[in-house]
Amino acid sequence: MTASERVVAAAQAYADRGIPVFPLAGKGRPLVKWGEAATTSVRVIGFWWSRWPGALVGGVAGKHSVVLDVDVKRGANGFDTLADLGFALLPETPMGHTPSGGLHLYFAADPAIRNTAGPRGAGIGPGLDWRGTGGYTILPSPGSGYCWDPVVNLETVPLAPVPEALHPRVPERPAVSAEVPRSSGLSKYAEAALDGACRAIASAAAGEQEATLNRECFLIGTLAGSGAVPEGFALRVLHSAARGVASYDARRPWRAAELAWKVDRSFRAGLAHPRGSPR
């Protein structure tokens, strides 16, 4: 059996397990639109590897399994991070060895797991990254440099559920007061309008946050456009309120840059439609 035939056999073995696969270039770049094209079809798999005989085997994360990438390069050691999280002994779940000396730990599919990037954002620590919904991984195959552990692999142990301690983390936002700081020269009406806008933004319920943020920033913008409230001061207060918006969905947390953009856009729109304050 040639090297290419061995890779095809490995890809077909994954397909037989119900794991959709697709071809990857040598550095892990997809050669097809993997999100749509990944397949278990023997015919398609044979066609792909006849066209790209040196391709790696890619797997879509999130459908059959999610993968914790334990890395030991770029100054980070994922094994140390796992030990700090209480996993000096690795969970009993299929694992594959990577060319850099790291590991891929395969867990049962979990819709709450999305791709992460290191210690920031939804990451769980240095040297650890998830490949989940919306991502893919390189599956072990002959000649790829990736190989299954000889003891703990898909043949010997079932996919374990993701341990609670390894779930992606949403960074906590600092508490932000909804009260408007006092500003010299601010009318009682403008002060009350800003205070109400900040409270509405901070207390908006799940599903209503974006509409509330847009509405309140637009309305304050209309006041700033007429000179009823200082433009720079109003914008700073709105940005402060937006930073306190709670993330109700751990899979799609609010990002600071996204919130700031929404505030600026709606506020500018309000500036273009000035209104006065009541006497």
Protein backbone atom coordinates (compact mmCIF):
# COMPACT_ATOMS: atom_id res chain seq x y z
CA MET A 1 0.00 0.00 0.00
CA THR A 2 1.42 3.40 -0.99
CA ALA A 3 1.71 6.33 1.43
CA SER A 4 -1.25 8.04 -0.24
CA GLU A 5 -3.36 4.89 0.01
CA ARG A 6 -2.59 4.63 3.72
CA VAL A 7 -3.82 8.21 4.25
CA VAL A 8 -7.00 7.47 2.26
CA ALA A 9 -7.55 4.37 4.39
CA ALA A 10 -7.19 6.47 7.55
CA ALA A 11 -9.64 9.09 6.23
CA GLN A 12 -12.15 6.37 5.33
CA ALA A 13 -11.75 4.79 8.78
CA TYR A 14 -12.79 8.11 10.34
CA ALA A 15 -15.73 8.30 7.95
CA ASP A 16 -16.78 4.79 8.99
CA ARG A 17 -16.99 6.13 12.54
CA GLY A 18 -19.28 8.93 11.39
CA ILE A 19 -16.55 11.58 11.54
CA PRO A 20 -16.75 13.96 8.52
CA VAL A 21 -13.31 14.66 7.04
CA PHE A 22 -11.76 17.00 4.48
CA PRO A 23 -8.26 17.59 3.04
CA LEU A 24 -5.74 20.04 4.47
CA ALA A 25 -2.53 21.41 2.96
CA GLY A 26 0.75 20.69 4.75
CA LYS A 27 0.47 23.63 7.18
CA GLY A 28 -3.16 22.95 8.06
CA ARG A 29 -4.82 25.15 5.43
CA PRO A 30 -8.17 23.72 4.21
CA LEU A 31 -8.20 22.77 0.53
CA VAL A 32 -12.02 22.84 0.33
CA LYS A 33 -14.81 24.81 2.03
CA TRP A 34 -14.58 22.50 4.99
CA GLY A 35 -17.60 23.76 6.92
CA GLU A 36 -19.88 22.71 4.05
CA ALA A 37 -17.85 20.05 2.28
CA ALA A 38 -16.57 17.79 5.09
CA THR A 39 -17.93 14.34 4.31
CA THR A 40 -18.11 10.67 5.16
CA SER A 41 -18.55 9.71 1.50
CA VAL A 42 -16.01 7.10 0.39
CA ARG A 43 -16.31 8.31 -3.20
CA VAL A 44 -15.61 11.96 -2.35
CA ILE A 45 -12.74 11.04 -0.03
CA GLY A 46 -11.14 8.98 -2.79
CA PHE A 47 -11.51 11.87 -5.25
CA TRP A 48 -9.99 14.42 -2.89
CA TRP A 49 -6.90 12.39 -2.07
CA SER A 50 -6.37 11.44 -5.70
CA ARG A 51 -6.29 15.19 -6.43
CA TRP A 52 -4.18 16.09 -3.36
CA PRO A 53 -2.25 12.90 -2.52
CA GLY A 54 -0.13 14.64 0.12
CA ALA A 55 -3.05 16.21 1.99
CA LEU A 56 -3.54 15.89 5.74
CA VAL A 57 -6.84 14.67 7.15
CA GLY A 58 -8.96 17.39 8.72
CA GLY A 59 -11.91 16.89 11.05
CA VAL A 60 -14.73 19.32 11.84
CA ALA A 61 -14.76 20.13 15.53
CA GLY A 62 -18.04 20.26 17.40
CA LYS A 63 -19.93 17.63 15.40
CA HIS A 64 -18.36 14.37 16.57
CA SER A 65 -16.07 15.74 19.26
CA VAL A 66 -14.37 18.85 20.61
CA VAL A 67 -10.61 19.00 20.97
CA LEU A 68 -8.44 20.56 23.66
CA ASP A 69 -5.11 21.54 22.11
CA VAL A 70 -2.35 21.20 24.72
CA ASP A 71 0.59 23.20 23.37
CA VAL A 72 4.22 23.40 24.51
CA LYS A 73 5.60 26.08 22.21
CA ARG A 74 5.93 29.87 22.10
CA GLY A 75 6.87 29.94 25.79
CA ALA A 76 3.64 28.35 27.04
CA ASN A 77 3.32 24.89 28.57
CA GLY A 78 -0.21 23.56 28.48
CA PHE A 79 0.70 20.60 30.69
CA ASP A 80 1.65 22.99 33.51
CA THR A 81 -1.65 24.82 33.05
CA LEU A 82 -3.56 21.52 33.20
CA ALA A 83 -1.75 20.62 36.43
CA ASP A 84 -2.70 23.99 37.92
CA LEU A 85 -6.33 23.24 37.01
CA GLY A 86 -6.19 19.88 38.81
CA PHE A 87 -5.32 17.66 35.85
CA ALA A 88 -1.77 16.52 36.60
CA LEU A 89 -3.25 13.15 35.58
CA LEU A 90 -4.89 13.64 32.22
CA PRO A 91 -8.60 12.84 31.78
CA GLU A 92 -9.25 9.37 30.38
CA THR A 93 -10.36 10.28 26.90
CA PRO A 94 -8.86 9.65 23.43
CA MET A 95 -5.70 11.63 22.82
CA GLY A 96 -3.42 12.27 19.88
CA HIS A 97 0.23 13.36 19.96
CA THR A 98 1.24 16.42 17.90
CA PRO A 99 4.55 17.02 16.08
CA SER A 100 5.58 19.74 18.58
CA GLY A 101 5.29 17.41 21.58
CA GLY A 102 1.82 18.54 22.61
CA LEU A 103 -1.45 16.66 22.78
CA HIS A 104 -4.94 16.82 21.35
CA LEU A 105 -7.47 15.63 23.92
CA TYR A 106 -10.75 14.55 22.31
CA PHE A 107 -13.97 15.00 24.29
CA ALA A 108 -17.63 14.35 23.55
CA ALA A 109 -19.26 17.04 21.40
CA ASP A 110 -20.40 19.99 23.51
CA PRO A 111 -22.33 22.90 21.91
CA ALA A 112 -21.00 25.28 24.59
CA ILE A 113 -17.43 24.80 23.37
CA ARG A 114 -16.22 27.19 20.67
CA ASN A 115 -12.71 28.07 19.48
CA THR A 116 -10.59 29.89 22.08
CA ALA A 117 -7.26 31.66 22.03
CA GLY A 118 -4.96 31.40 25.03
CA PRO A 119 -5.35 33.02 28.44
CA ARG A 120 -7.43 35.98 27.26
CA GLY A 121 -11.03 36.10 26.10
CA ALA A 122 -12.68 32.72 26.46
CA GLY A 123 -9.37 30.87 26.86
CA ILE A 124 -8.62 28.76 29.92
CA GLY A 125 -4.89 29.34 30.36
CA PRO A 126 -1.46 29.45 28.67
CA GLY A 127 -0.89 26.62 26.22
CA LEU A 128 -4.53 25.48 26.15
CA ASP A 129 -6.97 26.19 23.34
CA TRP A 130 -10.28 24.64 22.36
CA ARG A 131 -11.24 23.55 18.87
CA GLY A 132 -15.02 23.48 19.01
CA THR A 133 -18.03 24.73 17.08
CA GLY A 134 -16.81 26.71 14.09
CA GLY A 135 -13.34 25.14 14.12
CA TYR A 136 -11.44 22.13 12.85
CA THR A 137 -8.46 20.00 13.79
CA ILE A 138 -5.82 17.85 12.10
CA LEU A 139 -6.61 14.18 12.66
CA PRO A 140 -3.79 11.64 13.05
CA SER A 141 -2.88 9.93 9.80
CA PRO A 142 0.20 8.18 8.36
CA GLY A 143 3.05 10.59 7.63
CA SER A 144 1.32 13.61 9.19
CA GLY A 145 3.34 13.77 12.40
CA TYR A 146 0.09 13.39 14.34
CA CYS A 147 -0.56 9.98 15.89
CA TRP A 148 -2.98 8.40 18.33
CA ASP A 149 -1.72 7.47 21.76
CA PRO A 150 -1.03 3.71 21.71
CA VAL A 151 -2.95 3.18 24.98
CA VAL A 152 -5.66 5.86 25.10
CA ASN A 153 -7.28 6.33 21.70
CA LEU A 154 -10.58 6.07 19.81
CA GLU A 155 -10.35 2.29 19.83
CA THR A 156 -9.74 1.84 23.55
CA VAL A 157 -11.72 4.49 25.47
CA PRO A 158 -14.96 6.42 24.82
CA LEU A 159 -15.09 10.19 24.44
CA ALA A 160 -15.35 11.68 27.92
CA PRO A 161 -17.57 14.69 28.65
CA VAL A 162 -15.74 18.00 28.99
CA PRO A 163 -14.78 18.50 32.66
CA GLU A 164 -16.37 21.58 34.20
CA ALA A 165 -12.96 23.02 35.12
CA LEU A 166 -11.93 23.01 31.45
CA HIS A 167 -14.94 24.87 30.09
CA PRO A 168 -14.11 28.16 28.34
CA ARG A 169 -14.33 31.13 30.64
CA VAL A 170 -16.03 34.41 29.95
CA PRO A 171 -14.00 37.19 31.54
CA GLU A 172 -15.90 39.05 34.21
CA ARG A 173 -16.59 42.66 33.43
CA PRO A 174 -15.71 45.18 36.11
CA ALA A 175 -18.73 46.54 37.88
CA VAL A 176 -19.74 49.83 36.35
CA SER A 177 -21.98 52.26 38.15
CA ALA A 178 -25.10 53.24 36.26
CA GLU A 179 -25.10 56.63 37.95
CA VAL A 180 -23.94 59.64 35.98
CA PRO A 181 -21.03 61.57 37.49
CA ARG A 182 -21.90 65.14 38.30
CA SER A 183 -20.74 67.65 35.71
CA SER A 184 -20.57 71.39 36.21
CA GLY A 185 -23.13 73.18 34.08
CA LEU A 186 -25.23 70.08 33.28
CA SER A 187 -28.96 70.84 33.49
CA LYS A 188 -31.21 68.73 35.69
CA TYR A 189 -33.00 67.46 32.57
CA ALA A 190 -29.77 66.45 30.82
CA GLU A 191 -28.47 64.84 34.01
CA ALA A 192 -31.69 62.84 34.41
CA ALA A 193 -31.64 61.82 30.73
CA LEU A 194 -28.07 60.54 30.97
CA ASP A 195 -28.76 58.79 34.26
CA GLY A 196 -31.83 57.07 32.80
CA ALA A 197 -29.95 56.01 29.67
CA CYS A 198 -27.12 54.45 31.69
CA ARG A 199 -29.50 52.58 33.96
CA ALA A 200 -31.47 51.26 30.99
CA ILE A 201 -28.28 50.06 29.27
CA ALA A 202 -26.92 48.38 32.40
CA SER A 203 -30.19 46.61 33.25
CA ALA A 204 -31.27 45.53 29.75
CA ALA A 205 -32.43 41.92 29.67
CA ALA A 206 -31.13 39.15 27.41
CA GLY A 207 -32.40 39.69 23.89
CA GLU A 208 -33.00 43.40 24.48
CA GLN A 209 -29.45 44.63 25.08
CA GLU A 210 -28.51 45.70 21.57
CA ALA A 211 -31.81 47.48 20.89
CA THR A 212 -31.59 49.25 24.27
CA LEU A 213 -27.98 50.30 23.69
CA ASN A 214 -28.75 51.67 20.22
CA ARG A 215 -31.89 53.49 21.36
CA GLU A 216 -30.40 55.15 24.43
CA CYS A 217 -27.20 56.22 22.68
CA PHE A 218 -29.22 57.69 19.81
CA LEU A 219 -31.46 59.65 22.18
CA ILE A 220 -28.52 61.08 24.13
CA GLY A 221 -26.90 61.92 20.79
CA THR A 222 -29.93 64.01 19.87
CA LEU A 223 -29.49 65.99 23.08
CA ALA A 224 -25.77 66.46 22.46
CA GLY A 225 -26.55 67.60 18.92
CA SER A 226 -28.61 70.48 20.27
CA GLY A 227 -26.02 71.41 22.86
CA ALA A 228 -28.21 70.31 25.78
CA VAL A 229 -25.43 68.02 27.02
CA PRO A 230 -21.66 68.25 26.34
CA GLU A 231 -20.85 65.84 23.52
CA GLY A 232 -17.55 64.50 24.88
CA PHE A 233 -18.91 64.08 28.40
CA ALA A 234 -22.03 62.27 27.18
CA LEU A 235 -19.99 59.89 25.04
CA ARG A 236 -17.63 59.02 27.91
CA VAL A 237 -20.58 58.25 30.17
CA LEU A 238 -22.23 56.05 27.53
CA HIS A 239 -18.99 54.13 26.93
CA SER A 240 -18.71 53.54 30.68
CA ALA A 241 -22.28 52.21 30.82
CA ALA A 242 -21.71 49.93 27.82
CA ARG A 243 -18.68 48.34 29.47
CA GLY A 244 -21.02 47.08 32.17
CA VAL A 245 -23.36 45.24 29.79
CA ALA A 246 -23.67 41.63 30.98
CA SER A 247 -22.96 38.68 28.67
CA TYR A 248 -25.96 36.34 28.88
CA ASP A 249 -24.55 33.83 26.36
CA ALA A 250 -21.14 32.38 27.26
CA ARG A 251 -20.71 31.26 23.66
CA ARG A 252 -21.07 34.82 22.34
CA PRO A 253 -19.82 37.24 24.99
CA TRP A 254 -19.96 40.97 24.37
CA ARG A 255 -16.61 42.35 23.21
CA ALA A 256 -15.43 45.78 24.38
CA ALA A 257 -14.59 46.90 20.84
CA GLU A 258 -17.98 45.77 19.56
CA LEU A 259 -19.84 47.66 22.29
CA ALA A 260 -17.76 50.80 21.73
CA TRP A 261 -18.51 50.70 18.00
CA LYS A 262 -22.26 50.40 18.64
CA VAL A 263 -22.19 53.31 21.08
CA ASP A 264 -20.29 55.56 18.65
CA ARG A 265 -22.50 54.65 15.69
CA SER A 266 -25.81 55.30 17.44
CA PHE A 267 -24.54 58.43 19.20
CA ARG A 268 -23.35 59.94 15.88
CA ALA A 269 -26.71 59.13 14.32
CA GLY A 270 -28.39 61.03 17.15
CA LEU A 271 -26.08 64.01 16.69
CA ALA A 272 -27.48 64.37 13.17
CA HIS A 273 -31.00 64.77 14.59
CA PRO A 274 -30.65 67.37 17.39
CA ARG A 275 -33.44 68.05 19.84
CA GLY A 276 -33.70 70.55 22.65
CA SER A 277 -34.47 70.01 26.31
CA PRO A 278 -37.75 71.16 27.77
CA ARG A 279 -37.73 74.51 29.55
